[in-house]
């Protein structure tokens, strides 16, 4: 996971020591959600990866549905 930089609203004790009010810290996404839920940090944005394009291969020319086979003839009665 990548770290998220957040700004604190209140002072609190963290794993690595005391964090002062109005300071910027780097935390992982789960810790940021927890701190936000407790009202200790400002709201933050998580950058998401761009959505990839659809990379479907083009339909082959010889497999088109609804087209009669070449050389197909009607059955005799």
N, C-alpha and C. Protein backbone atom coordinates (compact mmCIF):
# COMPACT_ATOMS: atom_id res chain seq x y z
N UNK A 1 0.83 -1.18 0.00
CA UNK A 1 0.00 0.00 0.00
C UNK A 1 0.88 1.24 0.00
N UNK A 2 0.41 2.26 -0.62
CA UNK A 2 1.15 3.51 -0.65
C UNK A 2 0.68 4.39 0.50
N UNK A 3 1.53 5.30 0.91
CA UNK A 3 1.19 6.20 1.99
C UNK A 3 0.37 7.37 1.51
N UNK A 4 -0.46 7.89 2.41
CA UNK A 4 -1.31 9.03 2.11
C UNK A 4 -0.91 10.15 3.06
N UNK A 5 -0.68 11.34 2.53
CA UNK A 5 -0.35 12.48 3.38
C UNK A 5 -1.64 13.13 3.84
N UNK A 6 -1.79 13.29 5.16
CA UNK A 6 -2.99 13.90 5.73
C UNK A 6 -2.57 14.99 6.71
N UNK A 7 -3.47 15.95 6.93
CA UNK A 7 -3.21 17.03 7.87
C UNK A 7 -4.05 16.79 9.12
N UNK A 8 -3.44 16.91 10.28
CA UNK A 8 -4.14 16.63 11.54
C UNK A 8 -4.95 17.84 11.98
N UNK A 9 -6.10 17.57 12.60
CA UNK A 9 -6.95 18.61 13.17
C UNK A 9 -6.74 18.73 14.67
N UNK A 10 -6.39 17.62 15.30
CA UNK A 10 -6.19 17.58 16.74
C UNK A 10 -4.88 16.85 17.03
N UNK A 11 -4.35 17.08 18.21
CA UNK A 11 -3.15 16.37 18.64
C UNK A 11 -3.54 14.99 19.15
N UNK A 12 -2.69 14.00 18.91
CA UNK A 12 -2.97 12.65 19.39
C UNK A 12 -1.68 11.85 19.46
N UNK A 13 -1.75 10.75 20.21
CA UNK A 13 -0.60 9.86 20.33
C UNK A 13 -0.70 8.80 19.25
N UNK A 14 0.34 8.67 18.46
CA UNK A 14 0.38 7.69 17.38
C UNK A 14 1.38 6.60 17.74
N UNK A 15 1.53 5.63 16.85
CA UNK A 15 2.46 4.52 17.08
C UNK A 15 3.91 5.00 17.21
N UNK A 16 4.25 6.00 16.42
CA UNK A 16 5.64 6.47 16.41
C UNK A 16 5.86 7.70 17.28
N UNK A 17 4.92 8.05 18.14
CA UNK A 17 5.09 9.18 19.05
C UNK A 17 3.89 10.10 19.03
N UNK A 18 4.08 11.29 19.55
CA UNK A 18 3.02 12.27 19.66
C UNK A 18 2.94 13.09 18.38
N UNK A 19 1.73 13.28 17.87
CA UNK A 19 1.53 14.06 16.65
C UNK A 19 0.82 15.35 17.03
N UNK A 20 1.40 16.48 16.65
CA UNK A 20 0.83 17.78 17.00
C UNK A 20 -0.27 18.18 16.02
N UNK A 21 -1.10 19.08 16.49
CA UNK A 21 -2.19 19.63 15.68
C UNK A 21 -1.62 20.43 14.50
N UNK A 22 -2.30 20.41 13.37
CA UNK A 22 -1.92 21.13 12.14
C UNK A 22 -0.60 20.67 11.55
N UNK A 23 -0.23 19.41 11.76
CA UNK A 23 0.97 18.88 11.13
C UNK A 23 0.56 17.91 10.02
N UNK A 24 1.46 17.63 9.11
CA UNK A 24 1.20 16.71 8.01
C UNK A 24 1.94 15.41 8.29
N UNK A 25 1.20 14.31 8.22
CA UNK A 25 1.80 13.00 8.46
C UNK A 25 1.46 12.08 7.30
N UNK A 26 2.22 11.01 7.16
CA UNK A 26 1.97 10.02 6.12
C UNK A 26 1.53 8.73 6.79
N UNK A 27 0.36 8.25 6.39
CA UNK A 27 -0.20 7.01 6.94
C UNK A 27 -0.73 6.16 5.80
N UNK A 28 -1.01 4.88 6.09
CA UNK A 28 -1.62 4.05 5.05
C UNK A 28 -3.13 4.31 5.02
N UNK A 29 -3.80 3.74 4.04
CA UNK A 29 -5.21 4.04 3.80
C UNK A 29 -6.10 3.60 4.96
N UNK A 30 -5.80 2.45 5.56
CA UNK A 30 -6.64 1.95 6.66
C UNK A 30 -6.51 2.84 7.89
N UNK A 31 -5.28 3.27 8.19
CA UNK A 31 -5.06 4.16 9.34
C UNK A 31 -5.71 5.51 9.08
N UNK A 32 -5.67 6.00 7.85
CA UNK A 32 -6.29 7.28 7.51
C UNK A 32 -7.80 7.21 7.71
N UNK A 33 -8.42 6.10 7.33
CA UNK A 33 -9.86 5.95 7.54
C UNK A 33 -10.21 5.97 9.02
N UNK A 34 -9.39 5.30 9.82
CA UNK A 34 -9.62 5.25 11.25
C UNK A 34 -9.48 6.65 11.89
N UNK A 35 -8.43 7.37 11.51
CA UNK A 35 -8.22 8.71 12.05
C UNK A 35 -9.33 9.67 11.63
N UNK A 36 -9.79 9.55 10.40
CA UNK A 36 -10.87 10.39 9.90
C UNK A 36 -12.16 10.10 10.65
N UNK A 37 -12.43 8.82 10.90
CA UNK A 37 -13.63 8.41 11.63
C UNK A 37 -13.63 8.98 13.05
N UNK A 38 -12.43 9.10 13.65
CA UNK A 38 -12.30 9.65 15.00
C UNK A 38 -12.21 11.17 15.03
N UNK A 39 -12.21 11.81 13.85
CA UNK A 39 -12.17 13.26 13.78
C UNK A 39 -10.81 13.86 14.05
N UNK A 40 -9.75 13.12 13.83
CA UNK A 40 -8.41 13.61 14.12
C UNK A 40 -7.71 14.22 12.91
N UNK A 41 -8.17 13.94 11.68
CA UNK A 41 -7.54 14.47 10.48
C UNK A 41 -8.59 15.09 9.56
N UNK A 42 -8.11 15.89 8.62
CA UNK A 42 -8.98 16.45 7.59
C UNK A 42 -9.32 15.37 6.57
N UNK A 43 -10.36 15.61 5.79
CA UNK A 43 -10.71 14.67 4.73
C UNK A 43 -9.58 14.64 3.70
N UNK A 44 -9.38 13.51 3.09
CA UNK A 44 -8.27 13.31 2.17
C UNK A 44 -8.79 12.67 0.89
N UNK A 45 -7.96 12.71 -0.15
CA UNK A 45 -8.29 12.09 -1.43
C UNK A 45 -7.32 10.96 -1.70
N UNK A 46 -7.85 9.87 -2.22
CA UNK A 46 -7.02 8.74 -2.64
C UNK A 46 -7.01 8.75 -4.16
N UNK A 47 -5.82 8.79 -4.73
CA UNK A 47 -5.71 8.77 -6.18
C UNK A 47 -5.90 7.34 -6.67
N UNK A 48 -6.81 7.18 -7.60
CA UNK A 48 -7.05 5.85 -8.14
C UNK A 48 -6.34 5.69 -9.48
N UNK A 49 -6.12 4.47 -9.83
CA UNK A 49 -5.46 4.17 -11.11
C UNK A 49 -6.43 4.47 -12.26
N UNK A 50 -5.92 4.90 -13.40
CA UNK A 50 -6.79 5.17 -14.54
C UNK A 50 -7.45 3.88 -15.03
N UNK A 51 -8.66 4.01 -15.52
CA UNK A 51 -9.41 2.86 -16.02
C UNK A 51 -8.83 2.46 -17.38
N UNK A 52 -8.43 1.21 -17.55
CA UNK A 52 -7.85 0.79 -18.83
C UNK A 52 -8.92 0.72 -19.93
N UNK A 53 -8.45 0.86 -21.16
CA UNK A 53 -9.36 0.74 -22.30
C UNK A 53 -9.77 -0.71 -22.49
N UNK A 54 -10.89 -0.90 -23.17
CA UNK A 54 -11.30 -2.25 -23.52
C UNK A 54 -10.40 -2.72 -24.65
N UNK A 55 -9.74 -3.83 -24.45
CA UNK A 55 -8.77 -4.31 -25.45
C UNK A 55 -9.27 -5.55 -26.17
N UNK A 56 -10.56 -5.57 -26.47
CA UNK A 56 -11.13 -6.71 -27.18
C UNK A 56 -10.60 -6.74 -28.61
N UNK A 57 -10.29 -7.92 -29.06
CA UNK A 57 -9.79 -8.09 -30.43
C UNK A 57 -10.95 -7.88 -31.40
N UNK A 58 -10.67 -7.40 -32.60
CA UNK A 58 -11.75 -7.23 -33.58
C UNK A 58 -12.32 -8.58 -34.00
N UNK A 59 -13.60 -8.58 -34.33
CA UNK A 59 -14.24 -9.83 -34.77
C UNK A 59 -13.63 -10.29 -36.09
N UNK A 60 -13.33 -11.57 -36.21
CA UNK A 60 -12.75 -12.07 -37.46
C UNK A 60 -13.79 -12.04 -38.59
N UNK A 61 -13.31 -11.84 -39.82
CA UNK A 61 -14.21 -11.74 -40.97
C UNK A 61 -14.86 -13.08 -41.31
N UNK A 62 -14.22 -14.19 -41.03
CA UNK A 62 -14.76 -15.48 -41.44
C UNK A 62 -15.70 -16.08 -40.40
N UNK A 63 -16.01 -15.38 -39.31
CA UNK A 63 -16.87 -15.91 -38.26
C UNK A 63 -18.10 -15.05 -38.03
N UNK A 64 -18.57 -14.35 -39.03
CA UNK A 64 -19.71 -13.47 -38.88
C UNK A 64 -20.99 -14.31 -38.83
N UNK A 65 -21.80 -14.11 -37.81
CA UNK A 65 -23.04 -14.87 -37.64
C UNK A 65 -24.11 -14.37 -38.61
N UNK A 66 -24.99 -15.26 -39.02
CA UNK A 66 -26.10 -14.91 -39.90
C UNK A 66 -25.76 -14.88 -41.37
N UNK A 67 -24.56 -15.13 -41.72
CA UNK A 67 -24.14 -15.12 -43.10
C UNK A 67 -24.12 -16.57 -43.58
N UNK A 68 -24.73 -16.87 -44.71
CA UNK A 68 -24.70 -18.26 -45.19
C UNK A 68 -23.31 -18.68 -45.61
N UNK A 69 -23.03 -19.94 -45.42
CA UNK A 69 -21.74 -20.47 -45.82
C UNK A 69 -21.63 -20.41 -47.33
N UNK A 70 -20.46 -20.14 -47.84
CA UNK A 70 -20.32 -20.14 -49.30
C UNK A 70 -20.49 -21.56 -49.83
N UNK A 71 -21.28 -21.69 -50.84
CA UNK A 71 -21.49 -23.01 -51.44
C UNK A 71 -22.64 -23.77 -50.80
N UNK A 72 -23.32 -23.20 -49.83
CA UNK A 72 -24.45 -23.90 -49.22
C UNK A 72 -25.65 -23.81 -50.16
N UNK A 73 -26.32 -24.93 -50.33
CA UNK A 73 -27.48 -24.93 -51.23
C UNK A 73 -28.68 -25.42 -50.46
N UNK A 74 -29.84 -25.06 -50.94
CA UNK A 74 -31.09 -25.48 -50.31
C UNK A 74 -31.29 -26.98 -50.55
N UNK A 75 -31.86 -27.67 -49.58
CA UNK A 75 -32.12 -29.12 -49.72
C UNK A 75 -33.29 -29.34 -50.67
N UNK A 76 -33.23 -30.40 -51.39
CA UNK A 76 -34.30 -30.75 -52.32
C UNK A 76 -35.48 -31.30 -51.54
N UNK A 77 -36.69 -31.12 -52.08
CA UNK A 77 -37.90 -31.61 -51.43
C UNK A 77 -38.11 -33.05 -51.70
